[in-house]
């Protein structure tokens, strides 16, 4: 069996400041059935969220931490590109953020991947 991940998420930036765009790519190599792909972001020790502003080159306005995309809406696409932004300003020198891409089948997560970035304070 190949070592290739069944779903992978990568982020173009390692760190950002509040208001800076974050660019991400998700690649789906999952051969099984699935209903949807979910992108979730979590800023540690905070209730602040990332808003999704672009999905596959189309402007969107989705101000929630969890973006669910139905398989039918993917149109057979296996690479998903997104842009997200947050207004979060860290209380310390930085905040850690976890992005998770999950493939969902019948309300259950079947595979997932995570990526991390830091939000730093403007100098």
PDB file of N, CA and C in Angstrom:
ATOM      1  N   UNK A   1       0.839  -1.190   0.000  1.00  0.00           N
ATOM      2  CA  UNK A   1       0.000   0.000   0.000  1.00  0.00           C
ATOM      3  C   UNK A   1       0.882   1.251   0.000  1.00  0.00           C
ATOM      4  N   UNK A   2       0.448   2.272  -0.689  1.00  0.00           N
ATOM      5  CA  UNK A   2       1.193   3.519  -0.823  1.00  0.00           C
ATOM      6  C   UNK A   2       1.206   4.286   0.502  1.00  0.00           C
ATOM      7  N   UNK A   3       2.253   5.077   0.680  1.00  0.00           N
ATOM      8  CA  UNK A   3       2.340   5.927   1.870  1.00  0.00           C
ATOM      9  C   UNK A   3       1.599   7.247   1.670  1.00  0.00           C
ATOM     10  N   UNK A   4       0.996   7.435   0.513  1.00  0.00           N
ATOM     11  CA  UNK A   4       0.278   8.655   0.220  1.00  0.00           C
ATOM     12  C   UNK A   4      -0.943   8.768   1.134  1.00  0.00           C
ATOM     13  N   UNK A   5      -1.123   9.955   1.723  1.00  0.00           N
ATOM     14  CA  UNK A   5      -2.262  10.174   2.608  1.00  0.00           C
ATOM     15  C   UNK A   5      -3.558  10.154   1.806  1.00  0.00           C
ATOM     16  N   UNK A   6      -4.620   9.674   2.430  1.00  0.00           N
ATOM     17  CA  UNK A   6      -5.925   9.622   1.771  1.00  0.00           C
ATOM     18  C   UNK A   6      -6.567  11.000   1.687  1.00  0.00           C
ATOM     19  N   UNK A   7      -6.209  11.870   2.619  1.00  0.00           N
ATOM     20  CA  UNK A   7      -6.561  13.283   2.542  1.00  0.00           C
ATOM     21  C   UNK A   7      -5.398  14.038   3.180  1.00  0.00           C
ATOM     22  N   UNK A   8      -5.014  15.146   2.568  1.00  0.00           N
ATOM     23  CA  UNK A   8      -3.916  15.926   3.147  1.00  0.00           C
ATOM     24  C   UNK A   8      -4.255  17.406   3.061  1.00  0.00           C
ATOM     25  N   UNK A   9      -3.831  18.137   4.078  1.00  0.00           N
ATOM     26  CA  UNK A   9      -4.024  19.586   4.111  1.00  0.00           C
ATOM     27  C   UNK A   9      -2.657  20.231   4.260  1.00  0.00           C
ATOM     28  N   UNK A  10      -2.426  21.272   3.490  1.00  0.00           N
ATOM     29  CA  UNK A  10      -1.180  22.025   3.605  1.00  0.00           C
ATOM     30  C   UNK A  10      -1.518  23.512   3.597  1.00  0.00           C
ATOM     31  N   UNK A  11      -0.718  24.271   4.332  1.00  0.00           N
ATOM     32  CA  UNK A  11      -0.930  25.706   4.450  1.00  0.00           C
ATOM     33  C   UNK A  11       0.283  26.414   3.867  1.00  0.00           C
ATOM     34  N   UNK A  12       0.049  27.440   3.048  1.00  0.00           N
ATOM     35  CA  UNK A  12       1.138  28.147   2.376  1.00  0.00           C
ATOM     36  C   UNK A  12       1.972  28.972   3.359  1.00  0.00           C
ATOM     37  N   UNK A  13       1.338  29.476   4.394  1.00  0.00           N
ATOM     38  CA  UNK A  13       2.043  30.309   5.373  1.00  0.00           C
ATOM     39  C   UNK A  13       2.318  29.508   6.644  1.00  0.00           C
ATOM     40  N   UNK A  14       3.460  29.805   7.290  1.00  0.00           N
ATOM     41  CA  UNK A  14       3.781  29.197   8.586  1.00  0.00           C
ATOM     42  C   UNK A  14       3.264  30.043   9.732  1.00  0.00           C
ATOM     43  N   UNK A  15       3.196  31.360   9.489  1.00  0.00           N
ATOM     44  CA  UNK A  15       2.660  32.270  10.484  1.00  0.00           C
ATOM     45  C   UNK A  15       2.050  33.475   9.781  1.00  0.00           C
ATOM     46  N   UNK A  16       1.051  34.056  10.437  1.00  0.00           N
ATOM     47  CA  UNK A  16       0.351  35.217   9.900  1.00  0.00           C
ATOM     48  C   UNK A  16       0.094  36.199  11.030  1.00  0.00           C
ATOM     49  N   UNK A  17      -0.332  37.406  10.672  1.00  0.00           N
ATOM     50  CA  UNK A  17      -0.830  38.377  11.639  1.00  0.00           C
ATOM     51  C   UNK A  17      -2.323  38.546  11.391  1.00  0.00           C
ATOM     52  N   UNK A  18      -3.031  39.111  12.371  1.00  0.00           N
ATOM     53  CA  UNK A  18      -4.474  39.322  12.230  1.00  0.00           C
ATOM     54  C   UNK A  18      -4.768  40.095  10.954  1.00  0.00           C
ATOM     55  N   UNK A  19      -5.753  39.627  10.186  1.00  0.00           N
ATOM     56  CA  UNK A  19      -6.154  40.285   8.961  1.00  0.00           C
ATOM     57  C   UNK A  19      -5.414  39.818   7.716  1.00  0.00           C
ATOM     58  N   UNK A  20      -4.353  39.026   7.883  1.00  0.00           N
ATOM     59  CA  UNK A  20      -3.594  38.515   6.733  1.00  0.00           C
ATOM     60  C   UNK A  20      -4.262  37.252   6.206  1.00  0.00           C
ATOM     61  N   UNK A  21      -4.311  37.123   4.882  1.00  0.00           N
ATOM     62  CA  UNK A  21      -4.903  35.939   4.265  1.00  0.00           C
ATOM     63  C   UNK A  21      -4.045  34.703   4.530  1.00  0.00           C
ATOM     64  N   UNK A  22      -4.714  33.600   4.785  1.00  0.00           N
ATOM     65  CA  UNK A  22      -4.073  32.292   4.928  1.00  0.00           C
ATOM     66  C   UNK A  22      -4.551  31.439   3.756  1.00  0.00           C
ATOM     67  N   UNK A  23      -3.611  30.839   3.031  1.00  0.00           N
ATOM     68  CA  UNK A  23      -3.938  30.031   1.859  1.00  0.00           C
ATOM     69  C   UNK A  23      -3.695  28.565   2.165  1.00  0.00           C
ATOM     70  N   UNK A  24      -4.694  27.751   1.863  1.00  0.00           N
ATOM     71  CA  UNK A  24      -4.585  26.319   2.132  1.00  0.00           C
ATOM     72  C   UNK A  24      -4.981  25.486   0.926  1.00  0.00           C
ATOM     73  N   UNK A  25      -4.435  24.270   0.900  1.00  0.00           N
ATOM     74  CA  UNK A  25      -4.750  23.316  -0.164  1.00  0.00           C
ATOM     75  C   UNK A  25      -5.069  21.970   0.465  1.00  0.00           C
ATOM     76  N   UNK A  26      -6.118  21.345  -0.007  1.00  0.00           N
ATOM     77  CA  UNK A  26      -6.487  20.005   0.437  1.00  0.00           C
ATOM     78  C   UNK A  26      -6.473  19.100  -0.784  1.00  0.00           C
ATOM     79  N   UNK A  27      -5.822  17.945  -0.639  1.00  0.00           N
ATOM     80  CA  UNK A  27      -5.779  16.969  -1.724  1.00  0.00           C
ATOM     81  C   UNK A  27      -6.476  15.704  -1.233  1.00  0.00           C
ATOM     82  N   UNK A  28      -7.437  15.237  -2.026  1.00  0.00           N
ATOM     83  CA  UNK A  28      -8.196  14.031  -1.681  1.00  0.00           C
ATOM     84  C   UNK A  28      -7.694  12.872  -2.532  1.00  0.00           C
ATOM     85  N   UNK A  29      -7.205  11.829  -1.870  1.00  0.00           N
ATOM     86  CA  UNK A  29      -6.796  10.594  -2.539  1.00  0.00           C
ATOM     87  C   UNK A  29      -7.621   9.417  -2.038  1.00  0.00           C
ATOM     88  N   UNK A  30      -8.715   9.710  -1.373  1.00  0.00           N
ATOM     89  CA  UNK A  30      -9.566   8.691  -0.775  1.00  0.00           C
ATOM     90  C   UNK A  30     -10.394   8.014  -1.863  1.00  0.00           C
ATOM     91  N   UNK A  31     -10.288   6.699  -1.964  1.00  0.00           N
ATOM     92  CA  UNK A  31     -10.972   5.961  -3.029  1.00  0.00           C
ATOM     93  C   UNK A  31     -12.366   5.482  -2.624  1.00  0.00           C
ATOM     94  N   UNK A  32     -12.672   5.521  -1.326  1.00  0.00           N
ATOM     95  CA  UNK A  32     -13.965   5.032  -0.857  1.00  0.00           C
ATOM     96  C   UNK A  32     -15.086   6.042  -1.041  1.00  0.00           C
ATOM     97  N   UNK A  33     -16.260   5.628  -0.654  1.00  0.00           N
ATOM     98  CA  UNK A  33     -17.428   6.513  -0.713  1.00  0.00           C
ATOM     99  C   UNK A  33     -17.328   7.550   0.398  1.00  0.00           C
ATOM    100  N   UNK A  34     -17.803   8.748   0.111  1.00  0.00           N
ATOM    101  CA  UNK A  34     -17.922   9.751   1.168  1.00  0.00           C
ATOM    102  C   UNK A  34     -18.990  10.764   0.797  1.00  0.00           C
ATOM    103  N   UNK A  35     -19.518  11.424   1.834  1.00  0.00           N
ATOM    104  CA  UNK A  35     -20.590  12.391   1.644  1.00  0.00           C
ATOM    105  C   UNK A  35     -20.080  13.824   1.544  1.00  0.00           C
ATOM    106  N   UNK A  36     -19.043  14.138   2.361  1.00  0.00           N
ATOM    107  CA  UNK A  36     -18.592  15.523   2.395  1.00  0.00           C
ATOM    108  C   UNK A  36     -17.149  15.630   2.880  1.00  0.00           C
ATOM    109  N   UNK A  37     -16.602  16.799   2.639  1.00  0.00           N
ATOM    110  CA  UNK A  37     -15.282  17.176   3.136  1.00  0.00           C
ATOM    111  C   UNK A  37     -15.505  18.326   4.104  1.00  0.00           C
ATOM    112  N   UNK A  38     -14.850  18.272   5.265  1.00  0.00           N
ATOM    113  CA  UNK A  38     -14.998  19.323   6.263  1.00  0.00           C
ATOM    114  C   UNK A  38     -13.635  19.939   6.540  1.00  0.00           C
ATOM    115  N   UNK A  39     -13.585  21.271   6.531  1.00  0.00           N
ATOM    116  CA  UNK A  39     -12.390  22.011   6.932  1.00  0.00           C
ATOM    117  C   UNK A  39     -12.735  22.691   8.245  1.00  0.00           C
ATOM    118  N   UNK A  40     -11.902  22.465   9.259  1.00  0.00           N
ATOM    119  CA  UNK A  40     -12.174  23.008  10.581  1.00  0.00           C
ATOM    120  C   UNK A  40     -10.928  23.725  11.097  1.00  0.00           C
ATOM    121  N   UNK A  41     -11.122  24.871  11.721  1.00  0.00           N
ATOM    122  CA  UNK A  41      -9.995  25.594  12.315  1.00  0.00           C
ATOM    123  C   UNK A  41     -10.267  25.819  13.798  1.00  0.00           C
ATOM    124  N   UNK A  42      -9.190  25.772  14.571  1.00  0.00           N
ATOM    125  CA  UNK A  42      -9.307  25.985  16.010  1.00  0.00           C
ATOM    126  C   UNK A  42      -8.120  26.801  16.485  1.00  0.00           C
ATOM    127  N   UNK A  43      -8.409  27.982  17.052  1.00  0.00           N
ATOM    128  CA  UNK A  43      -7.373  28.841  17.626  1.00  0.00           C
ATOM    129  C   UNK A  43      -7.302  28.534  19.107  1.00  0.00           C
ATOM    130  N   UNK A  44      -6.121  28.079  19.570  1.00  0.00           N
ATOM    131  CA  UNK A  44      -6.008  27.640  20.959  1.00  0.00           C
ATOM    132  C   UNK A  44      -6.331  28.764  21.936  1.00  0.00           C
ATOM    133  N   UNK A  45      -6.954  28.386  23.045  1.00  0.00           N
ATOM    134  CA  UNK A  45      -7.312  29.309  24.127  1.00  0.00           C
ATOM    135  C   UNK A  45      -8.094  30.527  23.644  1.00  0.00           C
ATOM    136  N   UNK A  46      -8.972  30.300  22.664  1.00  0.00           N
ATOM    137  CA  UNK A  46      -9.719  31.413  22.104  1.00  0.00           C
ATOM    138  C   UNK A  46     -11.041  30.906  21.530  1.00  0.00           C
ATOM    139  N   UNK A  47     -12.024  31.787  21.514  1.00  0.00           N
ATOM    140  CA  UNK A  47     -13.273  31.462  20.821  1.00  0.00           C
ATOM    141  C   UNK A  47     -13.309  32.163  19.462  1.00  0.00           C
ATOM    142  N   UNK A  48     -12.205  32.846  19.093  1.00  0.00           N
ATOM    143  CA  UNK A  48     -12.117  33.499  17.786  1.00  0.00           C
ATOM    144  C   UNK A  48     -12.059  32.439  16.685  1.00  0.00           C
ATOM    145  N   UNK A  49     -12.448  32.841  15.489  1.00  0.00           N
ATOM    146  CA  UNK A  49     -12.505  31.890  14.369  1.00  0.00           C
ATOM    147  C   UNK A  49     -11.857  32.485  13.121  1.00  0.00           C
ATOM    148  N   UNK A  50     -11.583  31.609  12.176  1.00  0.00           N
ATOM    149  CA  UNK A  50     -11.208  32.010  10.828  1.00  0.00           C
ATOM    150  C   UNK A  50     -12.480  32.084  10.001  1.00  0.00           C
ATOM    151  N   UNK A  51     -12.562  33.064   9.123  1.00  0.00           N
ATOM    152  CA  UNK A  51     -13.645  33.156   8.150  1.00  0.00           C
ATOM    153  C   UNK A  51     -13.085  32.699   6.815  1.00  0.00           C
ATOM    154  N   UNK A  52     -13.855  31.896   6.106  1.00  0.00           N
ATOM    155  CA  UNK A  52     -13.433  31.428   4.784  1.00  0.00           C
ATOM    156  C   UNK A  52     -13.922  32.442   3.763  1.00  0.00           C
ATOM    157  N   UNK A  53     -12.987  32.961   2.931  1.00  0.00           N
ATOM    158  CA  UNK A  53     -13.335  34.034   2.004  1.00  0.00           C
ATOM    159  C   UNK A  53     -13.180  33.632   0.536  1.00  0.00           C
ATOM    160  N   UNK A  54     -12.556  32.479   0.279  1.00  0.00           N
ATOM    161  CA  UNK A  54     -12.388  32.025  -1.094  1.00  0.00           C
ATOM    162  C   UNK A  54     -12.333  30.505  -1.108  1.00  0.00           C
ATOM    163  N   UNK A  55     -13.033  29.906  -2.040  1.00  0.00           N
ATOM    164  CA  UNK A  55     -13.035  28.452  -2.183  1.00  0.00           C
ATOM    165  C   UNK A  55     -12.935  28.121  -3.664  1.00  0.00           C
ATOM    166  N   UNK A  56     -11.819  27.504  -4.042  1.00  0.00           N
ATOM    167  CA  UNK A  56     -11.570  27.128  -5.445  1.00  0.00           C
ATOM    168  C   UNK A  56     -11.756  28.306  -6.399  1.00  0.00           C
ATOM    169  N   UNK A  57     -11.203  29.457  -6.021  1.00  0.00           N
ATOM    170  CA  UNK A  57     -11.241  30.633  -6.889  1.00  0.00           C
ATOM    171  C   UNK A  57     -12.545  31.413  -6.858  1.00  0.00           C
ATOM    172  N   UNK A  58     -13.507  30.961  -6.051  1.00  0.00           N
ATOM    173  CA  UNK A  58     -14.797  31.644  -5.957  1.00  0.00           C
ATOM    174  C   UNK A  58     -14.883  32.352  -4.605  1.00  0.00           C
ATOM    175  N   UNK A  59     -15.232  33.645  -4.653  1.00  0.00           N
ATOM    176  CA  UNK A  59     -15.368  34.399  -3.404  1.00  0.00           C
ATOM    177  C   UNK A  59     -16.559  33.870  -2.615  1.00  0.00           C
ATOM    178  N   UNK A  60     -16.335  33.648  -1.318  1.00  0.00           N
ATOM    179  CA  UNK A  60     -17.413  33.245  -0.416  1.00  0.00           C
ATOM    180  C   UNK A  60     -17.307  34.095   0.845  1.00  0.00           C
ATOM    181  N   UNK A  61     -18.325  34.077   1.656  1.00  0.00           N
ATOM    182  CA  UNK A  61     -18.295  34.758   2.949  1.00  0.00           C
ATOM    183  C   UNK A  61     -18.852  33.770   3.966  1.00  0.00           C
ATOM    184  N   UNK A  62     -17.967  32.993   4.560  1.00  0.00           N
ATOM    185  CA  UNK A  62     -18.382  31.959   5.504  1.00  0.00           C
ATOM    186  C   UNK A  62     -17.663  32.213   6.830  1.00  0.00           C
ATOM    187  N   UNK A  63     -18.324  32.907   7.771  1.00  0.00           N
ATOM    188  CA  UNK A  63     -17.656  33.371   8.997  1.00  0.00           C
ATOM    189  C   UNK A  63     -17.662  32.364  10.155  1.00  0.00           C
ATOM    190  N   UNK A  64     -17.585  31.085   9.845  1.00  0.00           N
ATOM    191  CA  UNK A  64     -17.620  30.061  10.886  1.00  0.00           C
ATOM    192  C   UNK A  64     -16.372  29.193  10.813  1.00  0.00           C
ATOM    193  N   UNK A  65     -16.010  28.561  11.919  1.00  0.00           N
ATOM    194  CA  UNK A  65     -14.783  27.770  11.999  1.00  0.00           C
ATOM    195  C   UNK A  65     -14.854  26.480  11.187  1.00  0.00           C
ATOM    196  N   UNK A  66     -16.053  25.981  10.937  1.00  0.00           N
ATOM    197  CA  UNK A  66     -16.222  24.676  10.282  1.00  0.00           C
ATOM    198  C   UNK A  66     -16.933  24.849   8.945  1.00  0.00           C
ATOM    199  N   UNK A  67     -16.222  24.534   7.855  1.00  0.00           N
ATOM    200  CA  UNK A  67     -16.780  24.635   6.512  1.00  0.00           C
ATOM    201  C   UNK A  67     -16.982  23.234   5.965  1.00  0.00           C
ATOM    202  N   UNK A  68     -18.232  22.891   5.655  1.00  0.00           N
ATOM    203  CA  UNK A  68     -18.569  21.582   5.122  1.00  0.00           C
ATOM    204  C   UNK A  68     -18.889  21.727   3.640  1.00  0.00           C
ATOM    205  N   UNK A  69     -18.285  20.843   2.835  1.00  0.00           N
ATOM    206  CA  UNK A  69     -18.493  20.875   1.388  1.00  0.00           C
ATOM    207  C   UNK A  69     -19.008  19.500   0.962  1.00  0.00           C
ATOM    208  N   UNK A  70     -20.205  19.464   0.387  1.00  0.00           N
ATOM    209  CA  UNK A  70     -20.751  18.188  -0.070  1.00  0.00           C
ATOM    210  C   UNK A  70     -19.945  17.658  -1.253  1.00  0.00           C
ATOM    211  N   UNK A  71     -19.823  16.342  -1.333  1.00  0.00           N
ATOM    212  CA  UNK A  71     -19.082  15.713  -2.426  1.00  0.00           C
ATOM    213  C   UNK A  71     -19.632  16.160  -3.783  1.00  0.00           C
ATOM    214  N   UNK A  72     -20.935  16.262  -3.891  1.00  0.00           N
ATOM    215  CA  UNK A  72     -21.561  16.682  -5.145  1.00  0.00           C
ATOM    216  C   UNK A  72     -21.106  18.087  -5.558  1.00  0.00           C
ATOM    217  N   UNK A  73     -20.856  18.952  -4.566  1.00  0.00           N
ATOM    218  CA  UNK A  73     -20.409  20.314  -4.846  1.00  0.00           C
ATOM    219  C   UNK A  73     -18.951  20.365  -5.295  1.00  0.00           C
ATOM    220  N   UNK A  74     -18.193  19.304  -5.033  1.00  0.00           N
ATOM    221  CA  UNK A  74     -16.794  19.258  -5.462  1.00  0.00           C
ATOM    222  C   UNK A  74     -16.675  19.005  -6.963  1.00  0.00           C
ATOM    223  N   UNK A  75     -17.706  18.444  -7.563  1.00  0.00           N
ATOM    224  CA  UNK A  75     -17.716  18.214  -8.998  1.00  0.00           C
ATOM    225  C   UNK A  75     -16.579  17.336  -9.490  1.00  0.00           C
ATOM    226  N   UNK A  76     -16.188  16.345  -8.709  1.00  0.00           N
ATOM    227  CA  UNK A  76     -15.108  15.449  -9.100  1.00  0.00           C
ATOM    228  C   UNK A  76     -13.716  16.003  -8.823  1.00  0.00           C
ATOM    229  N   UNK A  77     -13.642  17.204  -8.325  1.00  0.00           N
ATOM    230  CA  UNK A  77     -12.364  17.849  -8.024  1.00  0.00           C
ATOM    231  C   UNK A  77     -11.688  17.139  -6.852  1.00  0.00           C
ATOM    232  N   UNK A  78     -10.394  16.890  -6.944  1.00  0.00           N
ATOM    233  CA  UNK A  78      -9.653  16.242  -5.852  1.00  0.00           C
ATOM    234  C   UNK A  78      -8.683  17.196  -5.170  1.00  0.00           C
ATOM    235  N   UNK A  79      -8.521  18.402  -5.707  1.00  0.00           N
ATOM    236  CA  UNK A  79      -7.703  19.422  -5.057  1.00  0.00           C
ATOM    237  C   UNK A  79      -8.593  20.615  -4.754  1.00  0.00           C
ATOM    238  N   UNK A  80      -8.628  21.001  -3.489  1.00  0.00           N
ATOM    239  CA  UNK A  80      -9.464  22.108  -3.042  1.00  0.00           C
ATOM    240  C   UNK A  80      -8.540  23.186  -2.501  1.00  0.00           C
ATOM    241  N   UNK A  81      -8.719  24.404  -2.981  1.00  0.00           N
ATOM    242  CA  UNK A  81      -7.933  25.526  -2.490  1.00  0.00           C
ATOM    243  C   UNK A  81      -8.866  26.482  -1.764  1.00  0.00           C
ATOM    244  N   UNK A  82      -8.385  26.971  -0.611  1.00  0.00           N
ATOM    245  CA  UNK A  82      -9.201  27.900   0.161  1.00  0.00           C
ATOM    246  C   UNK A  82      -8.349  29.023   0.710  1.00  0.00           C
ATOM    247  N   UNK A  83      -9.022  30.129   1.015  1.00  0.00           N
ATOM    248  CA  UNK A  83      -8.386  31.261   1.681  1.00  0.00           C
ATOM    249  C   UNK A  83      -9.233  31.584   2.894  1.00  0.00           C
ATOM    250  N   UNK A  84      -8.559  31.806   4.013  1.00  0.00           N
ATOM    251  CA  UNK A  84      -9.248  32.131   5.257  1.00  0.00           C
ATOM    252  C   UNK A  84      -8.539  33.321   5.906  1.00  0.00           C
ATOM    253  N   UNK A  85      -9.269  34.026   6.756  1.00  0.00           N
ATOM    254  CA  UNK A  85      -8.708  35.183   7.449  1.00  0.00           C
ATOM    255  C   UNK A  85      -9.313  35.245   8.847  1.00  0.00           C
ATOM    256  N   UNK A  86      -8.558  35.803   9.782  1.00  0.00           N
ATOM    257  CA  UNK A  86      -9.065  35.967  11.153  1.00  0.00           C
ATOM    258  C   UNK A  86      -8.708  37.355  11.667  1.00  0.00           C
ATOM    259  N   UNK A  87      -9.506  37.822  12.605  1.00  0.00           N
ATOM    260  CA  UNK A  87      -9.219  39.092  13.284  1.00  0.00           C
ATOM    261  C   UNK A  87      -8.548  38.844  14.630  1.00  0.00           C
ATOM    262  N   UNK A  88      -8.256  37.583  14.922  1.00  0.00           N
ATOM    263  CA  UNK A  88      -7.676  37.219  16.217  1.00  0.00           C
ATOM    264  C   UNK A  88      -6.323  37.897  16.436  1.00  0.00           C
ATOM    265  N   UNK A  89      -6.197  38.539  17.602  1.00  0.00           N
ATOM    266  CA  UNK A  89      -4.917  39.108  18.022  1.00  0.00           C
ATOM    267  C   UNK A  89      -4.484  38.344  19.265  1.00  0.00           C
ATOM    268  N   UNK A  90      -3.321  37.707  19.231  1.00  0.00           N
ATOM    269  CA  UNK A  90      -2.874  36.902  20.368  1.00  0.00           C
ATOM    270  C   UNK A  90      -2.704  37.746  21.632  1.00  0.00           C
ATOM    271  N   UNK A  91      -3.023  37.166  22.783  1.00  0.00           N
ATOM    272  CA  UNK A  91      -2.795  37.862  24.042  1.00  0.00           C
ATOM    273  C   UNK A  91      -1.330  37.753  24.454  1.00  0.00           C
ATOM    274  N   UNK A  92      -0.663  36.684  24.044  1.00  0.00           N
ATOM    275  CA  UNK A  92       0.776  36.528  24.279  1.00  0.00           C
ATOM    276  C   UNK A  92       1.491  36.883  22.967  1.00  0.00           C
ATOM    277  N   UNK A  93       2.712  36.381  22.769  1.00  0.00           N
ATOM    278  CA  UNK A  93       3.438  36.714  21.540  1.00  0.00           C
ATOM    279  C   UNK A  93       2.870  36.005  20.315  1.00  0.00           C
ATOM    280  N   UNK A  94       2.188  34.856  20.504  1.00  0.00           N
ATOM    281  CA  UNK A  94       1.557  34.169  19.386  1.00  0.00           C
ATOM    282  C   UNK A  94       0.454  33.246  19.893  1.00  0.00           C
ATOM    283  N   UNK A  95      -0.392  32.825  18.957  1.00  0.00           N
ATOM    284  CA  UNK A  95      -1.400  31.804  19.220  1.00  0.00           C
ATOM    285  C   UNK A  95      -1.198  30.686  18.207  1.00  0.00           C
ATOM    286  N   UNK A  96      -1.358  29.455  18.650  1.00  0.00           N
ATOM    287  CA  UNK A  96      -1.256  28.306  17.754  1.00  0.00           C
ATOM    288  C   UNK A  96      -2.636  27.985  17.187  1.00  0.00           C
ATOM    289  N   UNK A  97      -2.633  27.566  15.930  1.00  0.00           N
ATOM    290  CA  UNK A  97      -3.880  27.256  15.239  1.00  0.00           C
ATOM    291  C   UNK A  97      -3.769  25.882  14.592  1.00  0.00           C
ATOM    292  N   UNK A  98      -4.835  25.104  14.719  1.00  0.00           N
ATOM    293  CA  UNK A  98      -4.895  23.793  14.078  1.00  0.00           C
ATOM    294  C   UNK A  98      -5.973  23.832  13.005  1.00  0.00           C
ATOM    295  N   UNK A  99      -5.601  23.450  11.783  1.00  0.00           N
ATOM    296  CA  UNK A  99      -6.559  23.243  10.702  1.00  0.00           C
ATOM    297  C   UNK A  99      -6.675  21.753  10.470  1.00  0.00           C
ATOM    298  N   UNK A 100      -7.895  21.277  10.320  1.00  0.00           N
ATOM    299  CA  UNK A 100      -8.137  19.851  10.132  1.00  0.00           C
ATOM    300  C   UNK A 100      -9.040  19.659   8.912  1.00  0.00           C
ATOM    301  N   UNK A 101      -8.627  18.767   8.024  1.00  0.00           N
ATOM    302  CA  UNK A 101      -9.460  18.385   6.883  1.00  0.00           C
ATOM    303  C   UNK A 101      -9.940  16.971   7.139  1.00  0.00           C
ATOM    304  N   UNK A 102     -11.238  16.756   7.049  1.00  0.00           N
ATOM    305  CA  UNK A 102     -11.827  15.441   7.328  1.00  0.00           C
ATOM    306  C   UNK A 102     -12.760  15.028   6.204  1.00  0.00           C
ATOM    307  N   UNK A 103     -12.727  13.749   5.902  1.00  0.00           N
ATOM    308  CA  UNK A 103     -13.682  13.176   4.965  1.00  0.00           C
ATOM    309  C   UNK A 103     -14.747  12.462   5.786  1.00  0.00           C
ATOM    310  N   UNK A 104     -16.007  12.788   5.482  1.00  0.00           N
ATOM    311  CA  UNK A 104     -17.144  12.301   6.262  1.00  0.00           C
ATOM    312  C   UNK A 104     -17.979  11.354   5.405  1.00  0.00           C
ATOM    313  N   UNK A 105     -18.314  10.188   5.965  1.00  0.00           N
ATOM    314  CA  UNK A 105     -19.226   9.239   5.327  1.00  0.00           C
ATOM    315  C   UNK A 105     -20.281   8.850   6.356  1.00  0.00           C
ATOM    316  N   UNK A 106     -21.533   9.110   6.028  1.00  0.00           N
ATOM    317  CA  UNK A 106     -22.656   8.779   6.907  1.00  0.00           C
ATOM    318  C   UNK A 106     -22.426   9.270   8.336  1.00  0.00           C
ATOM    319  N   UNK A 107     -22.079  10.541   8.465  1.00  0.00           N
ATOM    320  CA  UNK A 107     -21.911  11.233   9.745  1.00  0.00           C
ATOM    321  C   UNK A 107     -20.691  10.774  10.542  1.00  0.00           C
ATOM    322  N   UNK A 108     -19.813  10.000   9.931  1.00  0.00           N
ATOM    323  CA  UNK A 108     -18.602   9.538  10.626  1.00  0.00           C
ATOM    324  C   UNK A 108     -17.375   9.988   9.864  1.00  0.00           C
ATOM    325  N   UNK A 109     -16.366  10.414  10.624  1.00  0.00           N
ATOM    326  CA  UNK A 109     -15.097  10.784  10.010  1.00  0.00           C
ATOM    327  C   UNK A 109     -14.357   9.506   9.622  1.00  0.00           C
ATOM    328  N   UNK A 110     -13.955   9.401   8.356  1.00  0.00           N
ATOM    329  CA  UNK A 110     -13.255   8.193   7.915  1.00  0.00           C
ATOM    330  C   UNK A 110     -11.746   8.414   7.790  1.00  0.00           C
ATOM    331  N   UNK A 111     -11.329   9.599   7.363  1.00  0.00           N
ATOM    332  CA  UNK A 111      -9.904   9.951   7.325  1.00  0.00           C
ATOM    333  C   UNK A 111      -9.773  11.444   7.578  1.00  0.00           C
ATOM    334  N   UNK A 112      -8.602  11.846   8.088  1.00  0.00           N
ATOM    335  CA  UNK A 112      -8.369  13.274   8.329  1.00  0.00           C
ATOM    336  C   UNK A 112      -6.875  13.570   8.320  1.00  0.00           C
ATOM    337  N   UNK A 113      -6.565  14.846   8.259  1.00  0.00           N
ATOM    338  CA  UNK A 113      -5.188  15.322   8.342  1.00  0.00           C
ATOM    339  C   UNK A 113      -5.219  16.675   9.028  1.00  0.00           C
ATOM    340  N   UNK A 114      -4.118  17.047   9.671  1.00  0.00           N
ATOM    341  CA  UNK A 114      -4.039  18.331  10.355  1.00  0.00           C
ATOM    342  C   UNK A 114      -2.806  19.095   9.902  1.00  0.00           C
ATOM    343  N   UNK A 115      -2.893  20.423  10.017  1.00  0.00           N
ATOM    344  CA  UNK A 115      -1.770  21.315   9.744  1.00  0.00           C
ATOM    345  C   UNK A 115      -1.829  22.433  10.775  1.00  0.00           C
ATOM    346  N   UNK A 116      -0.678  22.986  11.102  1.00  0.00           N
ATOM    347  CA  UNK A 116      -0.599  23.996  12.154  1.00  0.00           C
ATOM    348  C   UNK A 116       0.059  25.272  11.633  1.00  0.00           C
ATOM    349  N   UNK A 117      -0.384  26.409  12.158  1.00  0.00           N
ATOM    350  CA  UNK A 117       0.256  27.685  11.914  1.00  0.00           C
ATOM    351  C   UNK A 117       0.260  28.462  13.216  1.00  0.00           C
ATOM    352  N   UNK A 118       0.928  29.615  13.201  1.00  0.00           N
ATOM    353  CA  UNK A 118       0.921  30.530  14.336  1.00  0.00           C
ATOM    354  C   UNK A 118       0.380  31.878  13.880  1.00  0.00           C
ATOM    355  N   UNK A 119      -0.390  32.489  14.755  1.00  0.00           N
ATOM    356  CA  UNK A 119      -0.796  33.873  14.555  1.00  0.00           C
ATOM    357  C   UNK A 119       0.109  34.690  15.475  1.00  0.00           C
ATOM    358  N   UNK A 120       0.838  35.622  14.901  1.00  0.00           N
ATOM    359  CA  UNK A 120       1.762  36.430  15.708  1.00  0.00           C
ATOM    360  C   UNK A 120       1.227  37.852  15.839  1.00  0.00           C
ATOM    361  N   UNK A 121       1.713  38.547  16.874  1.00  0.00           N
ATOM    362  CA  UNK A 121       1.333  39.947  17.054  1.00  0.00           C
ATOM    363  C   UNK A 121       2.084  40.812  16.062  1.00  0.00           C
ATOM    364  N   UNK A 122       1.418  41.854  15.564  1.00  0.00           N
ATOM    365  CA  UNK A 122       2.096  42.818  14.704  1.00  0.00           C
ATOM    366  C   UNK A 122       3.148  43.532  15.532  1.00  0.00           C
ATOM    367  N   UNK A 123       4.273  43.803  14.919  1.00  0.00           N
ATOM    368  CA  UNK A 123       5.352  44.500  15.634  1.00  0.00           C
ATOM    369  C   UNK A 123       5.264  45.984  15.389  1.00  0.00           C
TER     370      UNK A 123
END
